[in-house]
C-alpha atoms as a PDB file:
ATOM      1  CA  MET A   1      86.677  56.781 124.720  1.00  0.00           C
ATOM      2  CA  LYS A   2      90.434  56.558 125.260  1.00  0.00           C
ATOM      3  CA  ARG A   3      90.978  57.209 121.553  1.00  0.00           C
ATOM      4  CA  PHE A   4      88.923  60.386 121.630  1.00  0.00           C
ATOM      5  CA  ILE A   5      91.061  62.140 124.249  1.00  0.00           C
ATOM      6  CA  PRO A   6      94.209  62.262 122.072  1.00  0.00           C
ATOM      7  CA  LEU A   7      92.051  63.262 119.117  1.00  0.00           C
ATOM      8  CA  ILE A   8      90.473  66.117 121.050  1.00  0.00           C
ATOM      9  CA  ALA A   9      93.893  67.192 122.304  1.00  0.00           C
ATOM     10  CA  ALA A  10      95.290  67.126 118.764  1.00  0.00           C
ATOM     11  CA  LEU A  11      92.378  69.187 117.445  1.00  0.00           C
ATOM     12  CA  ALA A  12      92.796  71.710 120.247  1.00  0.00           C
ATOM     13  CA  LEU A  13      96.497  72.082 119.483  1.00  0.00           C
ATOM     14  CA  ALA A  14      95.795  72.358 115.773  1.00  0.00           C
ATOM     15  CA  GLY A  15      93.345  75.153 116.511  1.00  0.00           C
ATOM     16  CA  CYS A  16      96.068  77.034 118.363  1.00  0.00           C
ATOM     17  CA  GLY A  17      98.372  76.614 115.401  1.00  0.00           C
ATOM     18  CA  LEU A  18      95.763  78.037 113.062  1.00  0.00           C
ATOM     19  CA  ASP A  19      95.329  81.036 115.318  1.00  0.00           C
ATOM     20  CA  VAL A  20      99.082  81.681 115.311  1.00  0.00           C
ATOM     21  CA  ALA A  21      99.277  81.259 111.546  1.00  0.00           C
ATOM     22  CA  SER A  22      96.342  83.603 111.073  1.00  0.00           C
ATOM     23  CA  SER A  23      97.958  86.217 113.315  1.00  0.00           C
ATOM     24  CA  ALA A  24     101.236  85.924 111.429  1.00  0.00           C
ATOM     25  CA  ALA A  25      99.479  86.328 108.095  1.00  0.00           C
ATOM     26  CA  THR A  26      97.647  89.401 109.352  1.00  0.00           C
ATOM     27  CA  ALA A  27     100.874  90.923 110.658  1.00  0.00           C
ATOM     28  CA  ALA A  28     102.602  90.228 107.344  1.00  0.00           C
ATOM     29  CA  ALA A  29      99.763  91.871 105.421  1.00  0.00           C
ATOM     30  CA  LEU A  30      99.986  94.944 107.646  1.00  0.00           C
ATOM     31  CA  LYS A  31     103.750  95.162 107.173  1.00  0.00           C
ATOM     32  CA  LYS A  32     103.309  94.884 103.404  1.00  0.00           C
ATOM     33  CA  GLN A  33     100.776  97.703 103.476  1.00  0.00           C
ATOM     34  CA  GLU A  34     103.119  99.845 105.590  1.00  0.00           C
ATOM     35  CA  LEU A  35     105.951  99.175 103.149  1.00  0.00           C
ATOM     36  CA  GLU A  36     103.822 100.156 100.152  1.00  0.00           C
ATOM     37  CA  GLN A  37     102.703 103.345 101.908  1.00  0.00           C
ATOM     38  CA  GLY A  38     106.324 104.134 102.757  1.00  0.00           C
ATOM     39  CA  LYS A  39     107.344 103.704  99.121  1.00  0.00           C
ATOM     40  CA  LYS A  40     104.534 105.989  98.005  1.00  0.00           C
ATOM     41  CA  THR A  41     105.573 108.629 100.547  1.00  0.00           C
ATOM     42  CA  MET A  42     109.192 108.361  99.423  1.00  0.00           C
ATOM     43  CA  GLU A  43     108.217 108.822  95.767  1.00  0.00           C
ATOM     44  CA  GLN A  44     106.114 111.876  96.619  1.00  0.00           C
ATOM     45  CA  SER A  45     108.990 113.338  98.625  1.00  0.00           C
ATOM     46  CA  GLN A  46     111.407 112.759  95.751  1.00  0.00           C
ATOM     47  CA  GLN A  47     109.022 114.531  93.370  1.00  0.00           C
ATOM     48  CA  LYS A  48     108.726 117.508  95.717  1.00  0.00           C
ATOM     49  CA  ILE A  49     112.503 117.680  96.110  1.00  0.00           C
ATOM     50  CA  GLY A  50     112.908 117.538  92.335  1.00  0.00           C
ATOM     51  CA  GLN A  51     110.413 120.382  91.909  1.00  0.00           C
ATOM     52  CA  ALA A  52     112.184 122.461  94.562  1.00  0.00           C
ATOM     53  CA  VAL A  53     115.557 121.923  92.876  1.00  0.00           C
ATOM     54  CA  GLU A  54     114.058 122.881  89.522  1.00  0.00           C
ATOM     55  CA  GLN A  55     112.614 126.070  91.018  1.00  0.00           C
ATOM     56  CA  MET A  56     115.972 126.941  92.604  1.00  0.00           C
ATOM     57  CA  ASN A  57     117.751 126.372  89.290  1.00  0.00           C
ATOM     58  CA  GLN A  58     115.230 128.523  87.470  1.00  0.00           C
ATOM     59  CA  SER A  59     115.561 131.304  90.058  1.00  0.00           C
ATOM     60  CA  ALA A  60     119.336 131.195  89.735  1.00  0.00           C
ATOM     61  CA  GLN A  61     119.054 131.327  85.952  1.00  0.00           C
ATOM     62  CA  ASN A  62     116.674 134.289  86.165  1.00  0.00           C
ATOM     63  CA  ARG A  63     119.139 136.133  88.437  1.00  0.00           C
ATOM     64  CA  GLU A  64     121.999 135.428  86.040  1.00  0.00           C
ATOM     65  CA  ASP A  65     119.939 136.684  83.108  1.00  0.00           C
ATOM     66  CA  ALA A  66     118.980 139.819  85.040  1.00  0.00           C
ATOM     67  CA  GLN A  67     122.622 140.534  85.909  1.00  0.00           C
ATOM     68  CA  LYS A  68     123.662 140.200  82.255  1.00  0.00           C
ATOM     69  CA  GLN A  69     121.247 142.906  81.178  1.00  0.00           C
END
């Protein structure tokens, strides 16, 4: 019986460690997902900025062409 008490205590502590490890893994997975979503948002923003710059350049070119005529 005296041998079972340390064994039970060790198993209980090991269970706590698994819970902490599981929580850490879940948090890491969430952070990874947030990072991937942030990258996707950044890429979309860069595309929109590029399109806006292209439109501004085209408008400026159209104005220059209109002034030349």
